[in-house]
Amino acid sequence: MKFSVRVSEYQKQAMLNICDVELLGEKIVQDELTMHISESYYGERIVESEEARSLLKDASIINMVGKDTVSMAVDLGIGSENGVKIISGVPFLIVFNI
C-alpha cells in the first residue's frame, strides 16, 4: 500500500497529513460538506506502509483520510473507531496526541 504524506510543524508539534494515495486530488462531497484532498495539504511525498506506520507513531497531530490510512492508525492504537467520521463512504479521522 502507498500513502501520500505531508509532515510539518504546528505550534511546535509534529503534524502529519496522510491519505490513501488514490484519494490525492479527489473531492469528496456529502450534502453541504465538501472536502478537497489537495496535493498542497496531503501531497508532499508518497511513502510505503512501513514508513507510514513510523510517521503515524511519531506525529502529535494527525489529519488522515482513507480506508487504509484510518485502518492502519486504529490498528496501531492511534485514535479509535469512535472518532472516525465517514464522508461519502470515505473515513476521516483527526488525532491530537499533545
Protein backbone atom coordinates (compact mmCIF):
# COMPACT_ATOMS: atom_id res chain seq x y z
CA MET A 1 0.00 0.00 0.00
CA LYS A 2 1.07 3.54 -0.68
CA PHE A 3 0.20 6.71 1.18
CA SER A 4 0.57 10.39 0.41
CA VAL A 5 2.00 12.41 3.28
CA ARG A 6 2.96 15.92 4.30
CA VAL A 7 4.88 16.47 7.53
CA SER A 8 5.02 19.93 9.07
CA GLU A 9 5.14 21.67 12.42
CA TYR A 10 2.16 23.28 14.13
CA GLN A 11 2.69 25.10 17.44
CA LYS A 12 5.98 23.23 17.93
CA GLN A 13 4.28 19.85 17.43
CA ALA A 14 4.87 17.37 14.59
CA MET A 15 1.81 17.42 12.32
CA LEU A 16 1.14 14.68 9.79
CA ASN A 17 -1.38 14.93 6.97
CA ILE A 18 -1.78 11.48 5.42
CA CYS A 19 -4.18 9.87 2.96
CA ASP A 20 -4.59 6.80 0.80
CA VAL A 21 -2.59 7.68 -2.31
CA GLU A 22 -5.52 7.08 -4.68
CA LEU A 23 -7.53 9.81 -2.91
CA LEU A 24 -4.97 12.55 -3.62
CA GLY A 25 -6.59 15.30 -5.67
CA GLU A 26 -10.12 13.96 -5.09
CA LYS A 27 -13.09 16.00 -3.92
CA ILE A 28 -15.49 14.30 -1.53
CA VAL A 29 -18.99 15.74 -1.31
CA GLN A 30 -21.78 14.82 1.08
CA ASP A 31 -24.81 17.07 1.45
CA GLU A 32 -23.45 20.57 2.11
CA LEU A 33 -19.97 19.36 3.06
CA THR A 34 -17.14 19.36 0.51
CA MET A 35 -13.67 18.08 1.34
CA HIS A 36 -10.85 18.51 -1.17
CA ILE A 37 -7.93 16.14 -0.61
CA SER A 38 -5.42 18.51 -2.12
CA GLU A 39 -1.81 17.94 -3.08
CA SER A 40 -0.89 21.14 -1.24
CA TYR A 41 -2.19 19.65 2.04
CA TYR A 42 -1.53 15.90 1.67
CA GLY A 43 0.89 15.59 -1.23
CA GLU A 44 4.46 16.27 -0.18
CA ARG A 45 5.61 12.72 -0.97
CA ILE A 46 4.49 9.11 -1.43
CA VAL A 47 5.53 6.50 1.15
CA GLU A 48 5.11 2.76 1.64
CA SER A 49 3.27 1.16 4.58
CA GLU A 50 6.29 0.79 6.87
CA GLU A 51 7.24 4.47 6.67
CA ALA A 52 3.58 5.47 7.05
CA ARG A 53 3.40 3.44 10.28
CA SER A 54 6.50 5.15 11.61
CA LEU A 55 5.18 8.62 10.74
CA LEU A 56 1.84 7.85 12.39
CA LYS A 57 3.58 6.74 15.60
CA ASP A 58 5.80 9.85 15.74
CA ALA A 59 3.26 12.60 14.97
CA SER A 60 1.47 14.62 17.64
CA ILE A 61 -1.29 15.91 15.35
CA ILE A 62 -2.63 13.73 12.54
CA ASN A 63 -5.17 14.51 9.83
CA MET A 64 -5.96 11.30 7.96
CA VAL A 65 -8.28 10.28 5.16
CA GLY A 66 -8.97 6.92 3.55
CA LYS A 67 -9.82 3.36 4.47
CA ASP A 68 -6.24 2.06 4.51
CA THR A 69 -4.84 5.06 6.39
CA VAL A 70 -7.51 5.17 9.09
CA SER A 71 -7.50 1.38 9.47
CA MET A 72 -3.72 1.36 9.94
CA ALA A 73 -3.90 4.11 12.56
CA VAL A 74 -6.66 2.40 14.54
CA ASP A 75 -4.77 -0.92 14.38
CA LEU A 76 -1.73 0.89 15.83
CA GLY A 77 -3.87 2.25 18.67
CA ILE A 78 -3.78 5.78 17.27
CA GLY A 79 -7.29 7.13 17.53
CA SER A 80 -10.34 4.92 17.82
CA GLU A 81 -13.23 3.73 15.71
CA ASN A 82 -15.48 6.04 17.75
CA GLY A 83 -13.69 9.11 16.38
CA VAL A 84 -13.91 8.09 12.72
CA LYS A 85 -16.28 10.14 10.59
CA ILE A 86 -17.50 8.87 7.23
CA ILE A 87 -17.90 11.37 4.40
CA SER A 88 -19.45 9.84 1.26
CA GLY A 89 -18.11 6.44 2.30
CA VAL A 90 -14.57 7.71 2.96
CA PRO A 91 -13.25 7.51 6.56
CA PHE A 92 -11.74 10.67 8.06
CA LEU A 93 -10.02 10.99 11.45
CA ILE A 94 -8.16 13.74 13.31
CA VAL A 95 -5.99 12.83 16.31
CA PHE A 96 -4.22 15.10 18.80
CA ASN A 97 -1.52 13.47 20.96
CA ILE A 98 -0.14 16.52 22.74
